[in-house]
């Protein structure tokens, strides 16, 4: 298990380990599919999880690497993107606390065709593929959860493609904000998102200046309020209207 110390100094390793495990327990505590499983399956999952700590700009994996399993974000923010032959990258989505991703590549047992990088210090757990395989062969609720994630991912990819090809910057920024609101909805943030304007710009694949201008227009429309270190969503329905989403954004 790879864990980065959240504090400097002489804190015992055992204390750092307990704190990291507590963060995992808190994350799992708000994951619907996990809490819907029988005790035996939850214990199996909890015992097999391994954690990876990332610094800002550090890659969780790159294209071409094999998938070891299903990924879940304990805390932080990571970006999912694809790199073209010319070196340019296409931002696809951001994953924050409680988000699970990588299920399609894991199920296929294939190599990644995209990359995931940390936009801020982050901790991610990996549920090994053999454990996932045992669960989807023996527990219908886990299989349903996995299929729901796949369906949501297809919907998001279609929306992302449309956004990158057809939509303007304001709509792309609104969609990125809506996705983070959906991802953090289970954490009791009450519409207060801990995400910087620079991170939103990175998720959208636009310059910080264009992102800031779009956020300013959304603020003037009464959709959100910018504040130090994040955003506060004032009107969720209006946010989804600006994002041109028929329903709640998924992550």
Protein backbone atom coordinates (compact mmCIF):
# COMPACT_ATOMS: atom_id res chain seq x y z
CA UNK A 1 0.00 0.00 0.00
CA UNK A 2 1.33 3.39 -0.98
CA UNK A 3 0.33 6.25 1.34
CA UNK A 4 1.59 9.80 1.40
CA UNK A 5 1.74 11.48 4.81
CA UNK A 6 -0.79 14.24 5.24
CA UNK A 7 1.35 15.79 7.97
CA UNK A 8 5.03 16.39 8.31
CA UNK A 9 7.12 15.72 11.40
CA UNK A 10 7.37 12.70 13.63
CA UNK A 11 3.87 11.29 13.36
CA UNK A 12 4.05 7.49 13.75
CA UNK A 13 3.48 5.41 10.65
CA UNK A 14 0.68 3.56 12.45
CA UNK A 15 -1.19 6.83 13.00
CA UNK A 16 -0.87 7.76 9.31
CA UNK A 17 -2.09 4.30 8.36
CA UNK A 18 -5.15 4.58 10.65
CA UNK A 19 -5.99 8.02 9.26
CA UNK A 20 -5.77 6.74 5.69
CA UNK A 21 -7.98 3.77 6.51
CA UNK A 22 -10.49 6.09 8.16
CA UNK A 23 -10.65 8.14 4.94
CA UNK A 24 -11.42 4.97 2.97
CA UNK A 25 -14.17 3.99 5.41
CA UNK A 26 -15.76 7.45 5.14
CA UNK A 27 -15.68 7.29 1.35
CA UNK A 28 -17.22 3.80 1.27
CA UNK A 29 -19.84 4.91 3.76
CA UNK A 30 -21.52 7.11 1.13
CA UNK A 31 -21.20 4.74 -1.84
CA UNK A 32 -24.71 3.34 -2.49
CA UNK A 33 -23.67 0.16 -4.30
CA UNK A 34 -21.18 -0.77 -1.56
CA UNK A 35 -23.66 -0.29 1.27
CA UNK A 36 -26.25 -2.33 -0.59
CA UNK A 37 -24.08 -5.45 -0.49
CA UNK A 38 -24.27 -8.16 2.19
CA UNK A 39 -21.77 -7.98 5.05
CA UNK A 40 -19.62 -10.77 3.61
CA UNK A 41 -19.18 -9.01 0.27
CA UNK A 42 -18.44 -5.67 1.95
CA UNK A 43 -15.77 -7.31 4.08
CA UNK A 44 -14.30 -8.96 0.99
CA UNK A 45 -14.11 -5.64 -0.84
CA UNK A 46 -12.76 -3.71 2.15
CA UNK A 47 -10.05 -6.26 2.75
CA UNK A 48 -8.84 -6.33 -0.85
CA UNK A 49 -8.67 -2.58 -1.52
CA UNK A 50 -5.23 -1.06 -1.92
CA UNK A 51 -4.52 2.65 -1.89
CA UNK A 52 -2.35 4.83 -4.10
CA UNK A 53 -1.45 8.43 -3.17
CA UNK A 54 -0.79 10.99 -5.89
CA UNK A 55 0.72 14.45 -5.88
CA UNK A 56 -0.54 17.21 -8.16
CA UNK A 57 0.45 16.38 -11.76
CA UNK A 58 1.26 12.74 -10.98
CA UNK A 59 -0.30 10.10 -13.25
CA UNK A 60 -2.38 7.28 -11.82
CA UNK A 61 -1.80 5.45 -15.10
CA UNK A 62 -1.02 6.20 -18.73
CA UNK A 63 -2.30 4.82 -22.02
CA UNK A 64 -0.91 1.37 -22.76
CA UNK A 65 -0.80 0.17 -19.15
CA UNK A 66 -2.89 -2.81 -18.12
CA UNK A 67 -5.86 -2.35 -15.79
CA UNK A 68 -5.39 -3.91 -12.34
CA UNK A 69 -9.02 -3.38 -11.32
CA UNK A 70 -11.72 -0.81 -10.52
CA UNK A 71 -10.68 2.60 -9.21
CA UNK A 72 -12.41 4.69 -6.53
CA UNK A 73 -11.45 8.21 -5.42
CA UNK A 74 -11.01 8.50 -1.65
CA UNK A 75 -10.29 12.22 -1.77
CA UNK A 76 -8.88 14.79 -4.20
CA UNK A 77 -9.59 15.31 -7.89
CA UNK A 78 -8.24 13.44 -10.92
CA UNK A 79 -8.74 14.11 -14.63
CA UNK A 80 -9.59 11.55 -17.29
CA UNK A 81 -8.19 12.48 -20.70
CA UNK A 82 -7.03 11.05 -24.00
CA UNK A 83 -3.82 12.04 -25.80
CA UNK A 84 -3.65 12.19 -29.58
CA UNK A 85 -0.74 11.31 -31.86
CA UNK A 86 0.07 15.04 -32.12
CA UNK A 87 0.47 15.27 -28.34
CA UNK A 88 -2.73 17.23 -27.78
CA UNK A 89 -5.02 16.03 -25.01
CA UNK A 90 -8.82 15.81 -24.92
CA UNK A 91 -10.30 16.24 -21.44
CA UNK A 92 -13.12 13.78 -20.84
CA UNK A 93 -14.15 14.09 -17.18
CA UNK A 94 -13.05 14.75 -13.63
CA UNK A 95 -13.43 12.27 -10.78
CA UNK A 96 -13.70 13.41 -7.15
CA UNK A 97 -14.47 11.82 -3.78
CA UNK A 98 -16.73 8.78 -4.12
CA UNK A 99 -16.36 8.45 -7.91
CA UNK A 100 -15.56 5.02 -9.39
CA UNK A 101 -14.06 4.64 -12.84
CA UNK A 102 -12.17 2.31 -15.19
CA UNK A 103 -14.85 -0.38 -15.21
CA UNK A 104 -14.98 -0.92 -18.99
CA UNK A 105 -11.24 -1.48 -19.37
CA UNK A 106 -11.22 -3.63 -16.24
CA UNK A 107 -14.04 -5.87 -17.50
CA UNK A 108 -12.34 -6.32 -20.88
CA UNK A 109 -9.00 -7.07 -19.24
CA UNK A 110 -7.49 -4.65 -21.75
CA UNK A 111 -4.87 -1.91 -21.72
CA UNK A 112 -5.89 1.66 -21.02
CA UNK A 113 -6.51 3.83 -24.06
CA UNK A 114 -6.52 6.99 -21.95
CA UNK A 115 -4.74 8.47 -18.95
CA UNK A 116 -5.67 9.77 -15.50
CA UNK A 117 -3.69 12.50 -13.75
CA UNK A 118 -4.14 14.18 -10.36
CA UNK A 119 -5.20 17.84 -10.44
CA UNK A 120 -4.57 18.12 -6.69
CA UNK A 121 -3.13 15.77 -4.03
CA UNK A 122 -5.39 12.73 -4.22
CA UNK A 123 -5.84 9.23 -2.84
CA UNK A 124 -7.34 6.46 -4.96
CA UNK A 125 -8.21 2.87 -4.05
CA UNK A 126 -8.05 -0.08 -6.43
CA UNK A 127 -10.40 -3.06 -6.15
CA UNK A 128 -8.51 -5.92 -7.88
CA UNK A 129 -10.04 -7.36 -11.02
CA UNK A 130 -10.24 -10.92 -9.63
CA UNK A 131 -12.31 -9.65 -6.69
CA UNK A 132 -14.60 -7.76 -9.07
CA UNK A 133 -14.96 -10.86 -11.23
CA UNK A 134 -15.90 -12.99 -8.23
CA UNK A 135 -18.47 -10.39 -7.14
CA UNK A 136 -20.11 -9.95 -10.55
CA UNK A 137 -20.39 -13.73 -10.87
CA UNK A 138 -21.89 -14.17 -7.39
CA UNK A 139 -23.78 -11.01 -6.45
CA UNK A 140 -26.48 -9.54 -8.66
CA UNK A 141 -26.48 -6.20 -6.82
CA UNK A 142 -22.78 -5.67 -7.57
CA UNK A 143 -23.37 -6.61 -11.20
CA UNK A 144 -26.27 -4.13 -11.42
CA UNK A 145 -24.07 -1.39 -9.94
CA UNK A 146 -21.31 -2.13 -12.43
CA UNK A 147 -23.76 -2.06 -15.35
CA UNK A 148 -25.23 1.22 -14.12
CA UNK A 149 -21.75 2.75 -14.04
CA UNK A 150 -21.15 1.55 -17.59
CA UNK A 151 -24.44 3.05 -18.80
CA UNK A 152 -23.68 6.37 -17.07
CA UNK A 153 -20.20 6.41 -18.60
CA UNK A 154 -21.61 5.92 -22.10
CA UNK A 155 -24.05 8.78 -21.51
CA UNK A 156 -21.27 11.01 -20.25
CA UNK A 157 -18.97 10.17 -23.17
CA UNK A 158 -21.72 11.03 -25.65
CA UNK A 159 -22.33 14.34 -23.87
CA UNK A 160 -18.58 14.99 -23.72
CA UNK A 161 -18.18 14.34 -27.44
CA UNK A 162 -21.07 16.66 -28.22
CA UNK A 163 -19.60 19.30 -25.95
CA UNK A 164 -16.15 19.19 -27.48
CA UNK A 165 -17.50 19.24 -31.04
CA UNK A 166 -20.60 21.42 -30.93
CA UNK A 167 -20.94 23.35 -27.69
CA UNK A 168 -19.60 26.73 -26.63
CA UNK A 169 -17.29 27.34 -23.67
CA UNK A 170 -20.10 28.47 -21.34
CA UNK A 171 -21.94 25.18 -21.84
CA UNK A 172 -18.79 23.12 -21.42
CA UNK A 173 -17.94 24.91 -18.17
CA UNK A 174 -21.53 24.49 -16.91
CA UNK A 175 -21.32 20.75 -17.69
CA UNK A 176 -18.03 20.39 -15.82
CA UNK A 177 -19.52 22.14 -12.79
CA UNK A 178 -22.70 20.03 -13.00
CA UNK A 179 -20.63 16.84 -13.10
CA UNK A 180 -18.73 17.85 -9.96
CA UNK A 181 -21.98 18.79 -8.23
CA UNK A 182 -23.35 15.31 -9.00
CA UNK A 183 -20.12 13.63 -7.86
CA UNK A 184 -20.13 15.47 -4.52
CA UNK A 185 -23.89 15.33 -3.92
CA UNK A 186 -23.48 12.40 -1.51
CA UNK A 187 -20.88 14.21 0.63
CA UNK A 188 -23.21 16.71 2.28
CA UNK A 189 -21.58 19.74 0.68
CA UNK A 190 -24.99 21.40 0.09
CA UNK A 191 -23.93 22.91 -3.21
CA UNK A 192 -20.51 24.13 -2.03
CA UNK A 193 -17.89 22.65 -4.35
CA UNK A 194 -14.22 22.57 -3.45
CA UNK A 195 -12.81 23.07 -6.93
CA UNK A 196 -10.66 25.86 -8.32
CA UNK A 197 -11.25 27.76 -11.54
CA UNK A 198 -7.95 26.39 -12.81
CA UNK A 199 -9.17 22.83 -12.20
CA UNK A 200 -12.44 23.50 -14.02
CA UNK A 201 -10.48 24.93 -16.96
CA UNK A 202 -8.30 21.80 -17.01
CA UNK A 203 -11.36 19.53 -16.98
CA UNK A 204 -12.86 21.47 -19.91
CA UNK A 205 -9.61 21.69 -21.86
CA UNK A 206 -9.88 25.48 -22.18
CA UNK A 207 -7.70 28.35 -20.99
CA UNK A 208 -8.15 29.68 -17.48
CA UNK A 209 -9.13 33.09 -18.88
CA UNK A 210 -11.96 31.64 -21.00
CA UNK A 211 -13.12 29.50 -18.07
CA UNK A 212 -13.14 32.50 -15.71
CA UNK A 213 -15.17 34.51 -18.22
CA UNK A 214 -17.72 31.70 -18.49
CA UNK A 215 -17.98 31.39 -14.70
CA UNK A 216 -18.47 35.15 -14.44
CA UNK A 217 -21.38 34.95 -16.88
CA UNK A 218 -22.91 32.05 -14.93
CA UNK A 219 -22.54 34.07 -11.73
CA UNK A 220 -24.25 37.10 -13.29
CA UNK A 221 -27.11 34.81 -14.33
CA UNK A 222 -27.56 33.78 -10.70
CA UNK A 223 -26.51 30.17 -11.32
CA UNK A 224 -23.52 30.09 -8.98
CA UNK A 225 -21.26 32.18 -6.81
CA UNK A 226 -17.49 32.06 -6.98
CA UNK A 227 -15.56 32.13 -3.71
CA UNK A 228 -12.06 31.50 -2.51
CA UNK A 229 -11.22 27.84 -3.08
CA UNK A 230 -14.43 26.88 -4.79
CA UNK A 231 -17.97 27.57 -5.96
CA UNK A 232 -21.44 27.66 -4.43
CA UNK A 233 -24.31 26.51 -6.64
CA UNK A 234 -27.29 28.82 -6.19
CA UNK A 235 -29.72 27.34 -8.74
CA UNK A 236 -29.26 23.69 -9.72
CA UNK A 237 -32.05 23.69 -12.28
CA UNK A 238 -30.57 26.75 -14.00
CA UNK A 239 -27.13 25.09 -13.96
CA UNK A 240 -28.49 22.08 -15.84
CA UNK A 241 -30.28 24.37 -18.28
CA UNK A 242 -27.04 26.20 -19.04
CA UNK A 243 -25.28 22.84 -19.34
CA UNK A 244 -27.99 21.67 -21.78
CA UNK A 245 -28.55 18.56 -19.72
CA UNK A 246 -31.97 16.94 -19.55
CA UNK A 247 -31.24 15.34 -16.21
CA UNK A 248 -28.73 15.19 -13.45
CA UNK A 249 -25.08 14.98 -14.50
CA UNK A 250 -23.45 11.66 -13.68
CA UNK A 251 -19.95 10.79 -12.51
